[in-house]
Amino acid sequence: MDTSRQQDCGCGHVREVLEEYVHAELDSRERAALDAHLRSCPECTNAHRLSLTLTSVIVRGCREQAPIELRRRVIARIETMRDVP
């Protein structure tokens, strides 16, 4: 990766605010600037895709629940630990 290219075209800033971009936390002006940059920079576009993928996996993981029997065992264990002085 050519670091001088990153500095010249704004890649460093894009990488700094990429998570905010993915989570729609940027104002419209900055979002438009990042949109334009991503259209012209394959390296940042790849970083954006990776961030989207990771976010999707994390969200999916947070929705999954442990099987009911495992949850019961964990709760029972916690309750027995509360009784220990």
Protein backbone atom coordinates (compact mmCIF):
# COMPACT_ATOMS: atom_id res chain seq x y z
CA MET A 1 0.00 0.00 0.00
CA ASP A 2 1.43 3.39 -0.99
CA THR A 3 1.24 5.64 2.08
CA SER A 4 1.86 8.82 0.07
CA ARG A 5 -1.22 8.01 -2.01
CA GLN A 6 -3.24 7.58 1.20
CA GLN A 7 -2.22 11.01 2.47
CA ASP A 8 -2.81 12.71 -0.89
CA CYS A 9 -6.31 11.41 -1.52
CA GLY A 10 -7.71 11.43 2.02
CA CYS A 11 -7.56 7.71 2.80
CA GLY A 12 -6.31 8.38 6.32
CA HIS A 13 -9.36 10.47 7.16
CA VAL A 14 -11.69 7.94 5.55
CA ARG A 15 -10.22 5.16 7.71
CA GLU A 16 -10.62 7.34 10.82
CA VAL A 17 -14.34 7.93 10.24
CA LEU A 18 -15.28 4.68 8.49
CA GLU A 19 -17.20 3.24 11.44
CA GLU A 20 -19.23 6.42 11.79
CA TYR A 21 -19.92 6.24 8.05
CA VAL A 22 -21.08 2.61 8.29
CA HIS A 23 -23.41 3.48 11.17
CA ALA A 24 -24.80 6.61 9.43
CA GLU A 25 -23.41 8.93 12.10
CA LEU A 26 -21.88 11.52 9.75
CA ASP A 27 -23.52 14.72 8.61
CA SER A 28 -24.67 14.88 4.99
CA ARG A 29 -21.68 16.96 3.84
CA GLU A 30 -19.10 14.55 5.22
CA ARG A 31 -21.08 11.52 4.06
CA ALA A 32 -21.12 12.94 0.51
CA ALA A 33 -17.36 13.48 0.66
CA LEU A 34 -16.81 9.88 1.75
CA ASP A 35 -19.21 8.62 -0.93
CA ALA A 36 -17.13 10.40 -3.56
CA HIS A 37 -13.89 9.07 -2.14
CA LEU A 38 -15.17 5.49 -2.00
CA ARG A 39 -16.22 5.68 -5.66
CA SER A 40 -12.65 6.47 -6.64
CA CYS A 41 -10.55 4.47 -4.15
CA PRO A 42 -10.53 0.66 -4.35
CA GLU A 43 -8.51 0.30 -1.13
CA CYS A 44 -10.98 2.29 0.95
CA THR A 45 -13.89 0.56 -0.79
CA ASN A 46 -12.44 -2.77 0.33
CA ALA A 47 -12.06 -1.45 3.89
CA HIS A 48 -15.69 -0.27 3.74
CA ARG A 49 -16.89 -3.69 2.58
CA LEU A 50 -14.92 -5.38 5.37
CA SER A 51 -16.44 -3.03 7.93
CA LEU A 52 -19.95 -3.75 6.62
CA THR A 53 -19.29 -7.49 6.81
CA LEU A 54 -17.94 -7.32 10.35
CA THR A 55 -20.86 -5.18 11.48
CA SER A 56 -23.30 -7.67 9.95
CA VAL A 57 -21.64 -10.62 11.69
CA ILE A 58 -21.65 -8.83 15.04
CA VAL A 59 -25.31 -7.85 14.71
CA ARG A 60 -26.24 -11.40 13.76
CA GLY A 61 -24.26 -12.77 16.70
CA CYS A 62 -26.03 -10.47 19.12
CA ARG A 63 -29.41 -11.77 17.99
CA GLU A 64 -28.56 -15.42 18.60
CA GLN A 65 -29.61 -16.96 21.88
CA ALA A 66 -28.12 -19.84 23.75
CA PRO A 67 -30.25 -23.00 23.85
CA ILE A 68 -32.81 -22.95 26.67
CA GLU A 69 -31.14 -25.82 28.54
CA LEU A 70 -27.81 -24.00 28.57
CA ARG A 71 -29.48 -20.81 29.79
CA ARG A 72 -31.17 -22.76 32.60
CA ARG A 73 -27.86 -24.30 33.68
CA VAL A 74 -26.09 -20.94 33.68
CA ILE A 75 -28.87 -19.30 35.70
CA ALA A 76 -28.88 -22.20 38.17
CA ARG A 77 -25.11 -21.93 38.56
CA ILE A 78 -25.32 -18.18 39.17
CA GLU A 79 -28.00 -18.72 41.79
CA THR A 80 -25.89 -21.33 43.62
CA MET A 81 -22.90 -18.99 43.56
CA ARG A 82 -25.01 -16.24 45.17
CA ASP A 83 -25.65 -18.56 48.11
CA VAL A 84 -21.92 -19.11 48.74
CA PRO A 85 -20.58 -16.78 51.46
